[in-house]
Protein backbone atom coordinates (compact mmCIF):
# COMPACT_ATOMS: atom_id res chain seq x y z
CA MET A 1 36.35 -81.09 64.88
CA THR A 2 35.94 -82.72 61.47
CA LYS A 3 37.28 -86.22 61.33
CA THR A 4 39.40 -87.38 58.41
CA PRO A 5 37.71 -90.24 56.50
CA VAL A 6 40.21 -93.06 56.78
CA GLY A 7 39.00 -94.64 53.57
CA ARG A 8 40.32 -91.67 51.56
CA ILE A 9 43.92 -91.74 52.69
CA GLY A 10 46.80 -94.02 51.74
CA PRO A 11 47.06 -97.40 53.50
CA LEU A 12 50.27 -96.55 55.37
CA CYS A 13 48.87 -93.21 56.49
CA ALA A 14 45.62 -94.84 57.59
CA ALA A 15 47.48 -97.40 59.67
CA ALA A 16 49.55 -94.70 61.32
CA LEU A 17 46.50 -92.57 62.04
CA LEU A 18 44.78 -95.50 63.68
CA LEU A 19 47.91 -96.34 65.64
CA PHE A 20 48.33 -92.88 67.08
CA GLY A 21 44.67 -91.95 67.32
CA LEU A 22 44.99 -89.16 64.77
CA ALA A 23 41.70 -89.52 63.01
CA GLY A 24 41.82 -85.79 62.30
CA CYS A 25 44.32 -82.97 62.72
CA GLY A 26 42.02 -80.00 63.20
CA GLY A 27 42.85 -77.93 66.25
CA LEU A 28 46.43 -79.22 66.52
CA ASP A 29 49.12 -76.73 67.47
CA THR A 30 51.97 -75.98 65.10
CA LEU A 31 55.50 -76.03 66.44
CA PRO A 32 57.34 -72.70 66.08
CA THR A 33 60.38 -72.39 63.84
CA ALA A 34 63.27 -74.52 65.15
CA ALA A 35 61.30 -75.23 68.34
CA PRO A 36 63.67 -76.46 71.04
CA VAL A 37 63.56 -80.16 71.75
CA LYS A 38 63.04 -81.33 75.33
CA ASP A 39 66.32 -82.27 77.07
CA GLU A 40 68.28 -81.00 74.08
CA GLU A 41 71.57 -81.18 75.97
CA SER A 42 71.09 -84.91 76.49
CA LEU A 43 70.71 -85.35 72.72
CA LYS A 44 74.24 -84.02 72.29
CA SER A 45 75.71 -86.81 74.40
CA GLU A 46 77.81 -89.59 72.94
CA TYR A 47 76.45 -91.72 70.14
CA ARG A 48 74.62 -94.88 71.22
CA ILE A 49 75.04 -98.01 69.13
CA GLY A 50 71.94 -99.42 67.44
CA SER A 51 71.04 -102.65 65.68
CA ASP A 52 72.26 -102.74 62.05
CA ASP A 53 75.21 -100.46 62.87
CA ASN A 54 78.56 -101.62 61.55
CA LEU A 55 81.51 -101.68 63.94
CA SER A 56 85.26 -101.88 63.48
CA ILE A 57 86.87 -103.43 66.56
CA PHE A 58 90.61 -102.93 66.93
CA VAL A 59 92.57 -104.93 69.52
CA TRP A 60 96.04 -103.45 70.04
CA ARG A 61 98.89 -105.87 69.31
CA ASN A 62 96.40 -108.61 68.48
CA PRO A 63 95.58 -108.28 64.78
CA GLU A 64 94.00 -111.74 64.74
CA LEU A 65 91.31 -110.40 67.11
CA THR A 66 90.69 -107.23 65.13
CA SER A 67 87.45 -107.44 63.11
CA SER A 68 84.58 -105.59 61.46
CA VAL A 69 81.15 -106.80 62.48
CA PRO A 70 77.49 -105.77 62.11
CA VAL A 71 75.23 -105.38 65.12
CA ARG A 72 72.60 -108.07 64.76
CA PRO A 73 68.85 -107.34 64.99
CA ASP A 74 68.92 -108.85 68.50
CA GLY A 75 71.35 -106.09 69.53
CA ARG A 76 74.38 -108.37 69.99
CA ILE A 77 77.71 -108.88 68.25
CA THR A 78 80.05 -111.82 67.83
CA VAL A 79 83.81 -111.23 67.62
CA PRO A 80 86.78 -113.61 67.87
CA LEU A 81 86.75 -115.37 71.29
CA ILE A 82 83.48 -113.64 72.30
CA GLU A 83 79.97 -114.72 71.38
CA ASP A 84 76.68 -112.84 71.80
CA LEU A 85 77.97 -109.68 73.47
CA PRO A 86 75.22 -107.04 73.97
CA ALA A 87 76.01 -103.84 72.04
CA THR A 88 72.89 -101.73 71.48
CA GLY A 89 72.33 -98.75 73.71
CA LYS A 90 76.02 -98.50 74.61
CA THR A 91 78.50 -95.88 73.53
CA PRO A 92 81.52 -97.15 71.54
CA THR A 93 83.70 -96.53 74.59
CA GLN A 94 81.41 -98.56 76.86
CA LEU A 95 81.38 -101.44 74.39
CA ALA A 96 85.18 -101.30 74.11
CA ARG A 97 85.48 -101.69 77.90
CA ASP A 98 83.08 -104.65 77.83
CA ILE A 99 85.15 -106.33 75.12
CA GLU A 100 88.32 -105.72 77.10
CA LYS A 101 86.77 -107.37 80.13
CA ALA A 102 85.68 -110.39 78.10
CA LEU A 103 89.07 -110.71 76.37
CA SER A 104 90.99 -110.46 79.63
CA VAL A 105 90.15 -114.13 80.21
CA TYR A 106 92.33 -114.99 77.21
CA ILE A 107 94.96 -112.24 76.91
CA GLN A 108 96.70 -109.96 79.36
CA ASP A 109 95.61 -106.32 79.59
CA PRO A 110 93.79 -106.04 76.24
CA ILE A 111 93.33 -102.56 74.78
CA VAL A 112 90.29 -102.24 72.52
CA THR A 113 88.97 -99.43 70.34
CA VAL A 114 85.48 -99.53 68.80
CA ILE A 115 84.73 -97.38 65.75
CA VAL A 116 81.22 -97.07 64.32
CA THR A 117 81.53 -97.15 60.52
CA GLY A 118 77.85 -97.49 59.56
CA PHE A 119 75.39 -95.36 61.52
CA VAL A 120 71.77 -96.33 62.06
CA GLY A 121 71.27 -95.72 65.76
CA PRO A 122 68.92 -97.19 68.37
CA PHE A 123 65.60 -98.42 67.00
CA GLU A 124 63.53 -96.24 69.34
CA ASP A 125 65.34 -93.08 68.21
CA ARG A 126 64.64 -93.45 64.49
CA VAL A 127 62.44 -90.87 62.79
CA ARG A 128 59.55 -92.42 60.86
CA ILE A 129 57.74 -90.87 57.88
CA VAL A 130 54.61 -92.58 56.54
CA GLY A 131 51.83 -91.76 54.11
CA GLU A 132 52.26 -89.54 51.05
CA ALA A 133 56.01 -89.02 51.29
CA THR A 134 57.83 -89.88 48.08
CA ARG A 135 59.84 -92.58 49.88
CA PRO A 136 58.23 -93.40 53.27
CA GLN A 137 60.85 -94.83 55.58
CA ALA A 138 62.53 -94.79 58.99
CA LEU A 139 65.60 -92.54 59.22
CA PRO A 140 68.41 -92.58 61.76
CA TYR A 141 68.18 -89.54 64.00
CA ARG A 142 70.93 -86.95 63.54
CA SER A 143 71.83 -84.20 65.96
CA THR A 144 70.32 -80.84 64.86
CA MET A 145 68.05 -82.63 62.33
CA THR A 146 65.21 -80.45 61.03
CA LEU A 147 61.96 -81.12 59.20
CA LEU A 148 63.54 -79.91 55.98
CA ASP A 149 66.37 -82.44 56.40
CA VAL A 150 63.78 -85.20 56.76
CA MET A 151 61.87 -84.08 53.67
CA ILE A 152 65.07 -84.01 51.60
CA ALA A 153 65.93 -87.54 52.78
CA VAL A 154 62.52 -88.93 51.73
CA GLY A 155 62.38 -87.01 48.45
CA GLY A 156 59.63 -84.61 49.52
CA ILE A 157 55.93 -85.36 49.26
CA THR A 158 53.83 -86.73 46.40
CA ASP A 159 51.46 -84.74 44.18
CA PHE A 160 48.61 -86.38 46.10
CA ALA A 161 49.75 -85.20 49.53
CA ALA A 162 47.91 -82.74 51.74
CA GLY A 163 51.13 -81.29 53.09
CA ASN A 164 49.57 -78.69 55.35
CA ARG A 165 47.48 -81.39 57.07
CA ALA A 166 50.54 -83.46 57.97
CA THR A 167 51.07 -84.26 61.64
CA LEU A 168 54.02 -84.95 63.90
CA THR A 169 53.67 -87.20 66.94
CA ARG A 170 56.26 -86.85 69.71
CA ILE A 171 56.70 -88.16 73.24
CA GLU A 172 57.14 -85.25 75.66
CA ASP A 173 57.41 -85.70 79.44
CA GLY A 174 56.19 -89.27 79.05
CA ALA A 175 53.04 -88.24 77.16
CA GLN A 176 52.23 -88.48 73.46
CA LYS A 177 51.59 -85.12 71.80
CA SER A 178 50.66 -84.29 68.22
CA TYR A 179 51.35 -81.17 66.18
CA ARG A 180 50.32 -79.83 62.80
CA LEU A 181 53.03 -79.55 60.13
CA LEU A 182 52.91 -77.12 57.20
CA LEU A 183 54.77 -79.10 54.58
CA ASP A 184 53.22 -77.30 51.60
CA ASP A 185 54.34 -73.97 53.00
CA LEU A 186 57.83 -75.31 53.63
CA LEU A 187 58.41 -77.22 50.39
CA ARG A 188 56.34 -75.33 47.85
CA GLU A 189 56.44 -71.80 49.21
CA GLY A 190 59.88 -71.92 50.78
CA ASP A 191 58.51 -70.67 54.10
CA MET A 192 61.28 -71.43 56.59
CA ALA A 193 58.94 -70.49 59.43
CA ALA A 194 57.45 -73.96 58.84
CA ASN A 195 60.80 -75.64 59.50
CA ILE A 196 61.20 -77.20 62.96
CA LYS A 197 63.71 -79.25 64.89
CA ILE A 198 63.18 -83.01 64.89
CA ALA A 199 63.50 -85.13 68.03
CA PRO A 200 64.45 -88.82 68.33
CA GLY A 201 61.43 -91.08 67.85
CA ASP A 202 59.29 -88.50 66.01
CA VAL A 203 56.60 -89.92 63.69
CA ILE A 204 55.48 -87.83 60.70
CA VAL A 205 52.22 -88.71 58.95
CA VAL A 206 51.48 -87.16 55.55
CA PRO A 207 47.80 -87.70 54.56
CA GLU A 208 46.38 -87.85 51.06
CA ALA A 209 44.59 -84.77 49.72
CA TRP A 210 40.85 -84.81 49.33
CA PHE A 211 39.73 -84.61 45.72
């Protein structure tokens, strides 16, 4: 297997390749079109709150306690009468029950509704794209997200990208697995057979072409 010379790829791509041990992508399998994601039913469960989400918290008959707050990077929120309440990883309903429990010290039978108004999602679920994407970034995972959705969000790939040597790293059954992506076929040839489903936590690395 021919190894990719790290010195000839972009800095972000090189760092990602070193991180995931992807010095080369020869011999990697390609995922079939819209390949099913492991435990797909579990991905359709209720939304889990993540850091940087924005929440609207409504307390019935207590407008002075109603507020809109961001989830801090430490995963907690502060609302009237309650400080440092953990929020990340919970569904809005679970967080509402926790707020009700905390408020019950001060008011009788509080009824709370939590509405997520700005969606980012849990940190570990975000989809990361590095290397020769037009706008490398981390994206919040969306149910039914595909590779094409990701490429649209990052503005495609640069003129210097080797799209058909791109790789996807995914955790499956507790093990890290890597797959070849055919981004040139998808974006430049319109080959929808190269489109696949994306899973939470996927990492996409787009290397630089060899000239």
